[in-house]
C-alpha atoms as a PDB file:
ATOM      1  CA  MET A   1     -75.664 298.209 -52.523  1.00  0.00           C
ATOM      2  CA  ALA A   2     -73.790 296.304 -49.864  1.00  0.00           C
ATOM      3  CA  LYS A   3     -71.077 293.909 -50.548  1.00  0.00           C
ATOM      4  CA  PRO A   4     -71.669 290.311 -49.499  1.00  0.00           C
ATOM      5  CA  ASN A   5     -69.808 288.888 -46.529  1.00  0.00           C
ATOM      6  CA  GLY A   6     -67.759 286.622 -48.723  1.00  0.00           C
ATOM      7  CA  TYR A   7     -66.420 289.394 -50.774  1.00  0.00           C
ATOM      8  CA  PRO A   8     -62.710 288.465 -51.597  1.00  0.00           C
ATOM      9  CA  GLY A   9     -60.410 290.763 -49.789  1.00  0.00           C
ATOM     10  CA  GLU A  10     -63.104 292.262 -47.529  1.00  0.00           C
ATOM     11  CA  HIS A  11     -61.756 290.792 -44.250  1.00  0.00           C
ATOM     12  CA  SER A  12     -59.097 288.495 -45.538  1.00  0.00           C
ATOM     13  CA  LYS A  13     -55.476 288.405 -44.748  1.00  0.00           C
ATOM     14  CA  PHE A  14     -52.718 289.484 -47.335  1.00  0.00           C
ATOM     15  CA  LYS A  15     -51.887 286.205 -48.965  1.00  0.00           C
ATOM     16  CA  PRO A  16     -50.452 286.648 -52.555  1.00  0.00           C
ATOM     17  CA  ASN A  17     -48.505 284.071 -54.413  1.00  0.00           C
ATOM     18  CA  ASP A  18     -46.345 286.664 -56.256  1.00  0.00           C
ATOM     19  CA  PRO A  19     -42.947 287.084 -54.476  1.00  0.00           C
ATOM     20  CA  ALA A  20     -42.695 290.635 -55.878  1.00  0.00           C
ATOM     21  CA  ALA A  21     -46.039 291.561 -54.158  1.00  0.00           C
ATOM     22  CA  ILE A  22     -44.944 290.004 -51.047  1.00  0.00           C
ATOM     23  CA  ALA A  23     -41.665 291.964 -51.077  1.00  0.00           C
ATOM     24  CA  ARG A  24     -43.608 295.299 -51.761  1.00  0.00           C
ATOM     25  CA  HIS A  25     -46.002 294.489 -48.834  1.00  0.00           C
ATOM     26  CA  LYS A  26     -43.201 293.686 -46.521  1.00  0.00           C
ATOM     27  CA  ALA A  27     -41.366 296.934 -47.542  1.00  0.00           C
ATOM     28  CA  VAL A  28     -44.528 298.917 -46.752  1.00  0.00           C
ATOM     29  CA  GLN A  29     -44.951 297.273 -43.369  1.00  0.00           C
ATOM     30  CA  ASP A  30     -41.369 297.858 -42.425  1.00  0.00           C
ATOM     31  CA  ARG A  31     -41.702 301.522 -43.365  1.00  0.00           C
ATOM     32  CA  ARG A  32     -44.761 301.958 -41.282  1.00  0.00           C
ATOM     33  CA  GLN A  33     -43.099 300.206 -38.492  1.00  0.00           C
ATOM     34  CA  GLU A  34     -40.067 302.498 -38.620  1.00  0.00           C
ATOM     35  CA  LEU A  35     -42.307 305.536 -38.679  1.00  0.00           C
ATOM     36  CA  ARG A  36     -44.162 304.348 -35.613  1.00  0.00           C
ATOM     37  CA  LYS A  37     -40.864 303.720 -33.824  1.00  0.00           C
ATOM     38  CA  GLN A  38     -39.769 307.218 -34.776  1.00  0.00           C
ATOM     39  CA  LYS A  39     -42.994 308.755 -33.507  1.00  0.00           C
ATOM     40  CA  ARG A  40     -42.808 306.763 -30.298  1.00  0.00           C
ATOM     41  CA  GLU A  41     -39.209 307.938 -29.589  1.00  0.00           C
ATOM     42  CA  GLU A  42     -40.130 311.699 -30.413  1.00  0.00           C
ATOM     43  CA  ARG A  43     -43.068 311.455 -27.957  1.00  0.00           C
ATOM     44  CA  ARG A  44     -40.827 309.843 -25.394  1.00  0.00           C
ATOM     45  CA  ARG A  45     -38.173 312.577 -25.879  1.00  0.00           C
ATOM     46  CA  LYS A  46     -40.667 315.361 -25.582  1.00  0.00           C
ATOM     47  CA  ARG A  47     -42.064 313.875 -22.483  1.00  0.00           C
ATOM     48  CA  LEU A  48     -38.667 313.678 -20.870  1.00  0.00           C
ATOM     49  CA  ASP A  49     -37.725 317.127 -21.954  1.00  0.00           C
ATOM     50  CA  LYS A  50     -40.932 318.500 -20.459  1.00  0.00           C
ATOM     51  CA  ARG A  51     -40.267 316.681 -17.297  1.00  0.00           C
ATOM     52  CA  ALA A  52     -36.663 317.966 -17.080  1.00  0.00           C
ATOM     53  CA  ASN A  53     -37.639 321.537 -17.815  1.00  0.00           C
ATOM     54  CA  ARG A  54     -40.283 321.804 -15.334  1.00  0.00           C
ATOM     55  CA  SER A  55     -40.067 324.829 -13.054  1.00  0.00           C
ATOM     56  CA  ARG A  56     -39.627 324.193  -9.412  1.00  0.00           C
END
């Protein structure tokens, strides 16, 4: 059975009133952002190493 389009939380933004929930959500967002940053830096480092170690 399909959910109706107006199902709460289906396509809604995260808007709680609880400060603890907001803090948890922000912490999770920050952690994900930091992981993305680390992955991006690692890919960049690998690319530069590969370019530097190319045989001529």
